[in-house]
Amino acid sequence: MKEVIEAQSFIANKIMNTLNECFKLGEKPLKFSGRLPAVSVEDFRKKLAEIQSSVARRIFVLAKANHLIHLRIGEYLALVAAADPTERYGSVY
């Protein structure tokens, strides 16, 4: 158990050191334009309009909803993973 905790600590320290080095080098996060959701909705509407069958339309909508749910799950997993090294879980929930 002690070795596992030491390994996790080593990895967390390595990640933090790498991130600190990136910011020392002047790298900054990219700015998000905010256009992605609008483009996604436009694309969704175009594809939905092309589908003739009502059954196929329903399947397409369900597949897109499933895709969005998995994107949200991934977002939360990334937030939890980012909170682990810093131990700041309060900002995740």
PDB file of N, CA and C in Angstrom:
ATOM      1  N   MET A   1       0.829  -1.195   0.000  1.00  0.00           N
ATOM      2  CA  MET A   1       0.000   0.000   0.000  1.00  0.00           C
ATOM      3  C   MET A   1       0.872   1.257   0.000  1.00  0.00           C
ATOM      4  N   LYS A   2       1.956   1.203   0.777  1.00  0.00           N
ATOM      5  CA  LYS A   2       2.854   2.342   0.858  1.00  0.00           C
ATOM      6  C   LYS A   2       3.467   2.660  -0.506  1.00  0.00           C
ATOM      7  N   GLU A   3       3.816   1.609  -1.250  1.00  0.00           N
ATOM      8  CA  GLU A   3       4.410   1.803  -2.573  1.00  0.00           C
ATOM      9  C   GLU A   3       3.410   2.444  -3.539  1.00  0.00           C
ATOM     10  N   VAL A   4       2.151   2.065  -3.441  1.00  0.00           N
ATOM     11  CA  VAL A   4       1.122   2.633  -4.312  1.00  0.00           C
ATOM     12  C   VAL A   4       0.960   4.119  -4.017  1.00  0.00           C
ATOM     13  N   ILE A   5       0.916   4.472  -2.745  1.00  0.00           N
ATOM     14  CA  ILE A   5       0.779   5.885  -2.366  1.00  0.00           C
ATOM     15  C   ILE A   5       1.989   6.680  -2.815  1.00  0.00           C
ATOM     16  N   GLU A   6       3.175   6.108  -2.671  1.00  0.00           N
ATOM     17  CA  GLU A   6       4.391   6.798  -3.124  1.00  0.00           C
ATOM     18  C   GLU A   6       4.391   6.978  -4.642  1.00  0.00           C
ATOM     19  N   ALA A   7       3.902   5.959  -5.365  1.00  0.00           N
ATOM     20  CA  ALA A   7       3.840   6.056  -6.824  1.00  0.00           C
ATOM     21  C   ALA A   7       2.857   7.139  -7.249  1.00  0.00           C
ATOM     22  N   GLN A   8       1.693   7.205  -6.591  1.00  0.00           N
ATOM     23  CA  GLN A   8       0.715   8.246  -6.914  1.00  0.00           C
ATOM     24  C   GLN A   8       1.275   9.631  -6.612  1.00  0.00           C
ATOM     25  N   SER A   9       1.975   9.744  -5.511  1.00  0.00           N
ATOM     26  CA  SER A   9       2.586  11.022  -5.148  1.00  0.00           C
ATOM     27  C   SER A   9       3.638  11.431  -6.175  1.00  0.00           C
ATOM     28  N   PHE A  10       4.440  10.470  -6.619  1.00  0.00           N
ATOM     29  CA  PHE A  10       5.468  10.752  -7.615  1.00  0.00           C
ATOM     30  C   PHE A  10       4.843  11.246  -8.919  1.00  0.00           C
ATOM     31  N   ILE A  11       3.784  10.547  -9.358  1.00  0.00           N
ATOM     32  CA  ILE A  11       3.126  10.930 -10.606  1.00  0.00           C
ATOM     33  C   ILE A  11       2.484  12.314 -10.477  1.00  0.00           C
ATOM     34  N   ALA A  12       1.830  12.576  -9.349  1.00  0.00           N
ATOM     35  CA  ALA A  12       1.197  13.884  -9.143  1.00  0.00           C
ATOM     36  C   ALA A  12       2.252  14.991  -9.149  1.00  0.00           C
ATOM     37  N   ASN A  13       3.374  14.761  -8.501  1.00  0.00           N
ATOM     38  CA  ASN A  13       4.451  15.759  -8.491  1.00  0.00           C
ATOM     39  C   ASN A  13       5.026  15.968  -9.883  1.00  0.00           C
ATOM     40  N   LYS A  14       5.164  14.903 -10.640  1.00  0.00           N
ATOM     41  CA  LYS A  14       5.685  15.001 -11.999  1.00  0.00           C
ATOM     42  C   LYS A  14       4.739  15.827 -12.880  1.00  0.00           C
ATOM     43  N   ILE A  15       3.443  15.606 -12.745  1.00  0.00           N
ATOM     44  CA  ILE A  15       2.464  16.366 -13.522  1.00  0.00           C
ATOM     45  C   ILE A  15       2.515  17.843 -13.144  1.00  0.00           C
ATOM     46  N   MET A  16       2.555  18.120 -11.850  1.00  0.00           N
ATOM     47  CA  MET A  16       2.593  19.510 -11.398  1.00  0.00           C
ATOM     48  C   MET A  16       3.870  20.204 -11.874  1.00  0.00           C
ATOM     49  N   ASN A  17       5.001  19.517 -11.810  1.00  0.00           N
ATOM     50  CA  ASN A  17       6.255  20.101 -12.281  1.00  0.00           C
ATOM     51  C   ASN A  17       6.214  20.377 -13.781  1.00  0.00           C
ATOM     52  N   THR A  18       5.626  19.468 -14.539  1.00  0.00           N
ATOM     53  CA  THR A  18       5.508  19.659 -15.981  1.00  0.00           C
ATOM     54  C   THR A  18       4.630  20.863 -16.300  1.00  0.00           C
ATOM     55  N   LEU A  19       3.496  20.973 -15.610  1.00  0.00           N
ATOM     56  CA  LEU A  19       2.612  22.127 -15.831  1.00  0.00           C
ATOM     57  C   LEU A  19       3.297  23.434 -15.447  1.00  0.00           C
ATOM     58  N   ASN A  20       3.992  23.434 -14.333  1.00  0.00           N
ATOM     59  CA  ASN A  20       4.710  24.639 -13.917  1.00  0.00           C
ATOM     60  C   ASN A  20       5.769  25.027 -14.944  1.00  0.00           C
ATOM     61  N   GLU A  21       6.445  24.051 -15.494  1.00  0.00           N
ATOM     62  CA  GLU A  21       7.467  24.325 -16.505  1.00  0.00           C
ATOM     63  C   GLU A  21       6.845  24.912 -17.769  1.00  0.00           C
ATOM     64  N   CYS A  22       5.670  24.404 -18.149  1.00  0.00           N
ATOM     65  CA  CYS A  22       4.979  24.940 -19.329  1.00  0.00           C
ATOM     66  C   CYS A  22       4.666  26.422 -19.138  1.00  0.00           C
ATOM     67  N   PHE A  23       4.173  26.789 -17.968  1.00  0.00           N
ATOM     68  CA  PHE A  23       3.819  28.185 -17.741  1.00  0.00           C
ATOM     69  C   PHE A  23       5.058  29.067 -17.580  1.00  0.00           C
ATOM     70  N   LYS A  24       6.158  28.494 -17.117  1.00  0.00           N
ATOM     71  CA  LYS A  24       7.405  29.259 -17.042  1.00  0.00           C
ATOM     72  C   LYS A  24       7.909  29.582 -18.437  1.00  0.00           C
ATOM     73  N   LEU A  25       7.648  28.683 -19.379  1.00  0.00           N
ATOM     74  CA  LEU A  25       8.109  28.888 -20.750  1.00  0.00           C
ATOM     75  C   LEU A  25       7.230  29.872 -21.515  1.00  0.00           C
ATOM     76  N   GLY A  26       6.176  30.340 -20.880  1.00  0.00           N
ATOM     77  CA  GLY A  26       5.326  31.331 -21.523  1.00  0.00           C
ATOM     78  C   GLY A  26       4.123  30.754 -22.236  1.00  0.00           C
ATOM     79  N   GLU A  27       3.945  29.448 -22.167  1.00  0.00           N
ATOM     80  CA  GLU A  27       2.780  28.841 -22.792  1.00  0.00           C
ATOM     81  C   GLU A  27       1.534  29.210 -22.003  1.00  0.00           C
ATOM     82  N   LYS A  28       0.495  29.595 -22.706  1.00  0.00           N
ATOM     83  CA  LYS A  28      -0.761  29.947 -22.071  1.00  0.00           C
ATOM     84  C   LYS A  28      -1.881  29.136 -22.706  1.00  0.00           C
ATOM     85  N   PRO A  29      -2.926  28.854 -21.955  1.00  0.00           N
ATOM     86  CA  PRO A  29      -4.038  28.099 -22.542  1.00  0.00           C
ATOM     87  C   PRO A  29      -4.666  28.856 -23.711  1.00  0.00           C
ATOM     88  N   LEU A  30      -5.154  28.105 -24.680  1.00  0.00           N
ATOM     89  CA  LEU A  30      -5.814  28.712 -25.824  1.00  0.00           C
ATOM     90  C   LEU A  30      -7.148  29.298 -25.408  1.00  0.00           C
ATOM     91  N   LYS A  31      -7.520  30.389 -26.039  1.00  0.00           N
ATOM     92  CA  LYS A  31      -8.812  30.995 -25.753  1.00  0.00           C
ATOM     93  C   LYS A  31      -9.885  30.271 -26.568  1.00  0.00           C
ATOM     94  N   PHE A  32     -10.997  30.024 -25.937  1.00  0.00           N
ATOM     95  CA  PHE A  32     -12.114  29.356 -26.579  1.00  0.00           C
ATOM     96  C   PHE A  32     -13.006  30.403 -27.224  1.00  0.00           C
ATOM     97  N   SER A  33     -13.305  30.197 -28.498  1.00  0.00           N
ATOM     98  CA  SER A  33     -14.091  31.192 -29.233  1.00  0.00           C
ATOM     99  C   SER A  33     -15.575  31.136 -28.894  1.00  0.00           C
ATOM    100  N   GLY A  34     -16.042  29.993 -28.396  1.00  0.00           N
ATOM    101  CA  GLY A  34     -17.451  29.863 -28.082  1.00  0.00           C
ATOM    102  C   GLY A  34     -18.314  29.518 -29.282  1.00  0.00           C
ATOM    103  N   ARG A  35     -17.705  29.337 -30.423  1.00  0.00           N
ATOM    104  CA  ARG A  35     -18.443  29.054 -31.655  1.00  0.00           C
ATOM    105  C   ARG A  35     -18.781  27.571 -31.797  1.00  0.00           C
ATOM    106  N   LEU A  36     -18.096  26.694 -31.101  1.00  0.00           N
ATOM    107  CA  LEU A  36     -18.293  25.257 -31.256  1.00  0.00           C
ATOM    108  C   LEU A  36     -19.733  24.808 -30.999  1.00  0.00           C
ATOM    109  N   PRO A  37     -20.387  25.237 -29.912  1.00  0.00           N
ATOM    110  CA  PRO A  37     -21.782  24.808 -29.716  1.00  0.00           C
ATOM    111  C   PRO A  37     -22.708  25.242 -30.854  1.00  0.00           C
ATOM    112  N   ALA A  38     -22.524  26.443 -31.362  1.00  0.00           N
ATOM    113  CA  ALA A  38     -23.371  26.932 -32.456  1.00  0.00           C
ATOM    114  C   ALA A  38     -23.156  26.102 -33.715  1.00  0.00           C
ATOM    115  N   VAL A  39     -21.911  25.780 -34.023  1.00  0.00           N
ATOM    116  CA  VAL A  39     -21.600  24.968 -35.193  1.00  0.00           C
ATOM    117  C   VAL A  39     -22.171  23.564 -35.029  1.00  0.00           C
ATOM    118  N   SER A  40     -22.082  23.023 -33.825  1.00  0.00           N
ATOM    119  CA  SER A  40     -22.609  21.683 -33.566  1.00  0.00           C
ATOM    120  C   SER A  40     -24.119  21.641 -33.756  1.00  0.00           C
ATOM    121  N   VAL A  41     -24.812  22.652 -33.289  1.00  0.00           N
ATOM    122  CA  VAL A  41     -26.274  22.695 -33.444  1.00  0.00           C
ATOM    123  C   VAL A  41     -26.646  22.823 -34.914  1.00  0.00           C
ATOM    124  N   GLU A  42     -25.942  23.673 -35.652  1.00  0.00           N
ATOM    125  CA  GLU A  42     -26.214  23.826 -37.085  1.00  0.00           C
ATOM    126  C   GLU A  42     -26.002  22.509 -37.828  1.00  0.00           C
ATOM    127  N   ASP A  43     -24.902  21.833 -37.506  1.00  0.00           N
ATOM    128  CA  ASP A  43     -24.592  20.560 -38.142  1.00  0.00           C
ATOM    129  C   ASP A  43     -25.652  19.518 -37.801  1.00  0.00           C
ATOM    130  N   PHE A  44     -26.075  19.484 -36.547  1.00  0.00           N
ATOM    131  CA  PHE A  44     -27.112  18.553 -36.109  1.00  0.00           C
ATOM    132  C   PHE A  44     -28.405  18.783 -36.883  1.00  0.00           C
ATOM    133  N   ARG A  45     -28.811  20.031 -37.012  1.00  0.00           N
ATOM    134  CA  ARG A  45     -30.059  20.348 -37.724  1.00  0.00           C
ATOM    135  C   ARG A  45     -29.985  19.970 -39.202  1.00  0.00           C
ATOM    136  N   LYS A  46     -28.833  20.208 -39.839  1.00  0.00           N
ATOM    137  CA  LYS A  46     -28.678  19.845 -41.252  1.00  0.00           C
ATOM    138  C   LYS A  46     -28.810  18.339 -41.440  1.00  0.00           C
ATOM    139  N   LYS A  47     -28.091  17.586 -40.605  1.00  0.00           N
ATOM    140  CA  LYS A  47     -28.128  16.127 -40.738  1.00  0.00           C
ATOM    141  C   LYS A  47     -29.508  15.570 -40.422  1.00  0.00           C
ATOM    142  N   LEU A  48     -30.170  16.141 -39.426  1.00  0.00           N
ATOM    143  CA  LEU A  48     -31.504  15.680 -39.064  1.00  0.00           C
ATOM    144  C   LEU A  48     -32.498  15.959 -40.200  1.00  0.00           C
ATOM    145  N   ALA A  49     -32.354  17.083 -40.866  1.00  0.00           N
ATOM    146  CA  ALA A  49     -33.248  17.430 -41.972  1.00  0.00           C
ATOM    147  C   ALA A  49     -33.057  16.492 -43.169  1.00  0.00           C
ATOM    148  N   GLU A  50     -31.859  15.940 -43.320  1.00  0.00           N
ATOM    149  CA  GLU A  50     -31.582  15.046 -44.445  1.00  0.00           C
ATOM    150  C   GLU A  50     -32.194  13.664 -44.257  1.00  0.00           C
ATOM    151  N   ILE A  51     -32.494  13.281 -43.035  1.00  0.00           N
ATOM    152  CA  ILE A  51     -33.015  11.943 -42.756  1.00  0.00           C
ATOM    153  C   ILE A  51     -34.515  11.907 -43.044  1.00  0.00           C
ATOM    154  N   GLN A  52     -34.920  10.951 -43.882  1.00  0.00           N
ATOM    155  CA  GLN A  52     -36.319  10.850 -44.306  1.00  0.00           C
ATOM    156  C   GLN A  52     -37.169  10.023 -43.344  1.00  0.00           C
ATOM    157  N   SER A  53     -36.646   8.924 -42.878  1.00  0.00           N
ATOM    158  CA  SER A  53     -37.405   7.992 -42.042  1.00  0.00           C
ATOM    159  C   SER A  53     -37.543   8.529 -40.617  1.00  0.00           C
ATOM    160  N   SER A  54     -38.759   8.445 -40.081  1.00  0.00           N
ATOM    161  CA  SER A  54     -38.971   8.933 -38.710  1.00  0.00           C
ATOM    162  C   SER A  54     -38.248   8.050 -37.689  1.00  0.00           C
ATOM    163  N   VAL A  55     -38.169   6.748 -37.973  1.00  0.00           N
ATOM    164  CA  VAL A  55     -37.455   5.837 -37.074  1.00  0.00           C
ATOM    165  C   VAL A  55     -35.963   6.176 -37.072  1.00  0.00           C
ATOM    166  N   ALA A  56     -35.420   6.409 -38.248  1.00  0.00           N
ATOM    167  CA  ALA A  56     -34.000   6.766 -38.353  1.00  0.00           C
ATOM    168  C   ALA A  56     -33.728   8.110 -37.669  1.00  0.00           C
ATOM    169  N   ARG A  57     -34.668   9.037 -37.773  1.00  0.00           N
ATOM    170  CA  ARG A  57     -34.512  10.337 -37.107  1.00  0.00           C
ATOM    171  C   ARG A  57     -34.450  10.155 -35.592  1.00  0.00           C
ATOM    172  N   ARG A  58     -35.332   9.316 -35.062  1.00  0.00           N
ATOM    173  CA  ARG A  58     -35.334   9.067 -33.617  1.00  0.00           C
ATOM    174  C   ARG A  58     -34.033   8.415 -33.169  1.00  0.00           C
ATOM    175  N   ILE A  59     -33.550   7.460 -33.936  1.00  0.00           N
ATOM    176  CA  ILE A  59     -32.287   6.794 -33.609  1.00  0.00           C
ATOM    177  C   ILE A  59     -31.143   7.805 -33.657  1.00  0.00           C
ATOM    178  N   PHE A  60     -31.155   8.677 -34.660  1.00  0.00           N
ATOM    179  CA  PHE A  60     -30.117   9.702 -34.776  1.00  0.00           C
ATOM    180  C   PHE A  60     -30.129  10.635 -33.569  1.00  0.00           C
ATOM    181  N   VAL A  61     -31.318  11.073 -33.149  1.00  0.00           N
ATOM    182  CA  VAL A  61     -31.431  11.967 -31.994  1.00  0.00           C
ATOM    183  C   VAL A  61     -30.935  11.267 -30.730  1.00  0.00           C
ATOM    184  N   LEU A  62     -31.326  10.004 -30.549  1.00  0.00           N
ATOM    185  CA  LEU A  62     -30.876   9.253 -29.376  1.00  0.00           C
ATOM    186  C   LEU A  62     -29.359   9.053 -29.381  1.00  0.00           C
ATOM    187  N   ALA A  63     -28.808   8.792 -30.555  1.00  0.00           N
ATOM    188  CA  ALA A  63     -27.351   8.620 -30.654  1.00  0.00           C
ATOM    189  C   ALA A  63     -26.627   9.919 -30.306  1.00  0.00           C
ATOM    190  N   LYS A  64     -27.142  11.043 -30.786  1.00  0.00           N
ATOM    191  CA  LYS A  64     -26.526  12.340 -30.461  1.00  0.00           C
ATOM    192  C   LYS A  64     -26.649  12.652 -28.976  1.00  0.00           C
ATOM    193  N   ALA A  65     -27.809  12.333 -28.385  1.00  0.00           N
ATOM    194  CA  ALA A  65     -27.990  12.557 -26.946  1.00  0.00           C
ATOM    195  C   ALA A  65     -27.006  11.705 -26.153  1.00  0.00           C
ATOM    196  N   ASN A  66     -26.833  10.457 -26.573  1.00  0.00           N
ATOM    197  CA  ASN A  66     -25.878   9.571 -25.921  1.00  0.00           C
ATOM    198  C   ASN A  66     -24.461  10.129 -26.033  1.00  0.00           C
ATOM    199  N   HIS A  67     -24.132  10.660 -27.190  1.00  0.00           N
ATOM    200  CA  HIS A  67     -22.815  11.254 -27.413  1.00  0.00           C
ATOM    201  C   HIS A  67     -22.588  12.449 -26.477  1.00  0.00           C
ATOM    202  N   LEU A  68     -23.588  13.307 -26.352  1.00  0.00           N
ATOM    203  CA  LEU A  68     -23.476  14.470 -25.465  1.00  0.00           C
ATOM    204  C   LEU A  68     -23.332  14.057 -24.004  1.00  0.00           C
ATOM    205  N   ILE A  69     -24.066  13.011 -23.614  1.00  0.00           N
ATOM    206  CA  ILE A  69     -23.954  12.516 -22.242  1.00  0.00           C
ATOM    207  C   ILE A  69     -22.538  12.036 -21.971  1.00  0.00           C
ATOM    208  N   HIS A  70     -21.962  11.300 -22.914  1.00  0.00           N
ATOM    209  CA  HIS A  70     -20.603  10.806 -22.724  1.00  0.00           C
ATOM    210  C   HIS A  70     -19.579  11.948 -22.720  1.00  0.00           C
ATOM    211  N   LEU A  71     -19.831  12.995 -23.487  1.00  0.00           N
ATOM    212  CA  LEU A  71     -18.947  14.160 -23.429  1.00  0.00           C
ATOM    213  C   LEU A  71     -18.989  14.807 -22.047  1.00  0.00           C
ATOM    214  N   ARG A  72     -20.183  14.910 -21.457  1.00  0.00           N
ATOM    215  CA  ARG A  72     -20.323  15.479 -20.106  1.00  0.00           C
ATOM    216  C   ARG A  72     -19.627  14.605 -19.075  1.00  0.00           C
ATOM    217  N   ILE A  73     -19.775  13.286 -19.210  1.00  0.00           N
ATOM    218  CA  ILE A  73     -19.097  12.369 -18.292  1.00  0.00           C
ATOM    219  C   ILE A  73     -17.594  12.564 -18.395  1.00  0.00           C
ATOM    220  N   GLY A  74     -17.087  12.681 -19.606  1.00  0.00           N
ATOM    221  CA  GLY A  74     -15.658  12.917 -19.802  1.00  0.00           C
ATOM    222  C   GLY A  74     -15.205  14.232 -19.196  1.00  0.00           C
ATOM    223  N   GLU A  75     -16.044  15.249 -19.304  1.00  0.00           N
ATOM    224  CA  GLU A  75     -15.724  16.545 -18.716  1.00  0.00           C
ATOM    225  C   GLU A  75     -15.591  16.431 -17.197  1.00  0.00           C
ATOM    226  N   TYR A  76     -16.544  15.747 -16.565  1.00  0.00           N
ATOM    227  CA  TYR A  76     -16.482  15.577 -15.118  1.00  0.00           C
ATOM    228  C   TYR A  76     -15.294  14.720 -14.693  1.00  0.00           C
ATOM    229  N   LEU A  77     -14.984  13.690 -15.474  1.00  0.00           N
ATOM    230  CA  LEU A  77     -13.822  12.870 -15.156  1.00  0.00           C
ATOM    231  C   LEU A  77     -12.530  13.686 -15.237  1.00  0.00           C
ATOM    232  N   ALA A  78     -12.456  14.557 -16.235  1.00  0.00           N
ATOM    233  CA  ALA A  78     -11.271  15.415 -16.358  1.00  0.00           C
ATOM    234  C   ALA A  78     -11.170  16.388 -15.185  1.00  0.00           C
ATOM    235  N   LEU A  79     -12.314  16.931 -14.750  1.00  0.00           N
ATOM    236  CA  LEU A  79     -12.299  17.840 -13.602  1.00  0.00           C
ATOM    237  C   LEU A  79     -11.865  17.130 -12.327  1.00  0.00           C
ATOM    238  N   VAL A  80     -12.350  15.913 -12.133  1.00  0.00           N
ATOM    239  CA  VAL A  80     -11.957  15.148 -10.951  1.00  0.00           C
ATOM    240  C   VAL A  80     -10.476  14.803 -11.017  1.00  0.00           C
ATOM    241  N   ALA A  81     -10.004  14.427 -12.199  1.00  0.00           N
ATOM    242  CA  ALA A  81      -8.580  14.109 -12.357  1.00  0.00           C
ATOM    243  C   ALA A  81      -7.712  15.337 -12.095  1.00  0.00           C
ATOM    244  N   ALA A  82      -8.181  16.499 -12.498  1.00  0.00           N
ATOM    245  CA  ALA A  82      -7.423  17.729 -12.250  1.00  0.00           C
ATOM    246  C   ALA A  82      -7.452  18.100 -10.784  1.00  0.00           C
ATOM    247  N   ALA A  83      -8.531  17.747 -10.084  1.00  0.00           N
ATOM    248  CA  ALA A  83      -8.646  18.078  -8.665  1.00  0.00           C
ATOM    249  C   ALA A  83      -7.826  17.134  -7.795  1.00  0.00           C
ATOM    250  N   ASP A  84      -7.554  15.924  -8.265  1.00  0.00           N
ATOM    251  CA  ASP A  84      -6.820  14.951  -7.463  1.00  0.00           C
ATOM    252  C   ASP A  84      -5.454  15.448  -7.001  1.00  0.00           C
ATOM    253  N   PRO A  85      -4.600  15.956  -7.895  1.00  0.00           N
ATOM    254  CA  PRO A  85      -3.278  16.401  -7.426  1.00  0.00           C
ATOM    255  C   PRO A  85      -3.349  17.618  -6.500  1.00  0.00           C
ATOM    256  N   THR A  86      -4.326  18.466  -6.697  1.00  0.00           N
ATOM    257  CA  THR A  86      -4.408  19.683  -5.896  1.00  0.00           C
ATOM    258  C   THR A  86      -5.235  19.503  -4.637  1.00  0.00           C
ATOM    259  N   GLU A  87      -6.004  18.396  -4.579  1.00  0.00           N
ATOM    260  CA  GLU A  87      -6.876  18.105  -3.452  1.00  0.00           C
ATOM    261  C   GLU A  87      -7.895  19.203  -3.209  1.00  0.00           C
ATOM    262  N   ARG A  88      -8.353  19.826  -4.293  1.00  0.00           N
ATOM    263  CA  ARG A  88      -9.380  20.871  -4.196  1.00  0.00           C
ATOM    264  C   ARG A  88     -10.663  20.346  -4.810  1.00  0.00           C
ATOM    265  N   TYR A  89     -11.309  19.439  -4.114  1.00  0.00           N
ATOM    266  CA  TYR A  89     -12.497  18.783  -4.629  1.00  0.00           C
ATOM    267  C   TYR A  89     -13.730  19.665  -4.574  1.00  0.00           C
ATOM    268  N   GLY A  90     -13.741  20.670  -3.709  1.00  0.00           N
ATOM    269  CA  GLY A  90     -14.905  21.526  -3.554  1.00  0.00           C
ATOM    270  C   GLY A  90     -15.275  22.262  -4.817  1.00  0.00           C
ATOM    271  N   SER A  91     -14.313  22.602  -5.655  1.00  0.00           N
ATOM    272  CA  SER A  91     -14.603  23.345  -6.873  1.00  0.00           C
ATOM    273  C   SER A  91     -15.107  22.448  -7.988  1.00  0.00           C
ATOM    274  N   VAL A  92     -15.023  21.128  -7.822  1.00  0.00           N
ATOM    275  CA  VAL A  92     -15.453  20.206  -8.858  1.00  0.00           C
ATOM    276  C   VAL A  92     -16.955  20.003  -8.797  1.00  0.00           C
ATOM    277  N   TYR A  93     -17.527  19.965  -7.634  1.00  0.00           N
ATOM    278  CA  TYR A  93     -18.949  19.624  -7.483  1.00  0.00           C
ATOM    279  C   TYR A  93     -19.823  20.820  -7.578  1.00  0.00           C
TER     280      TYR A  93
END
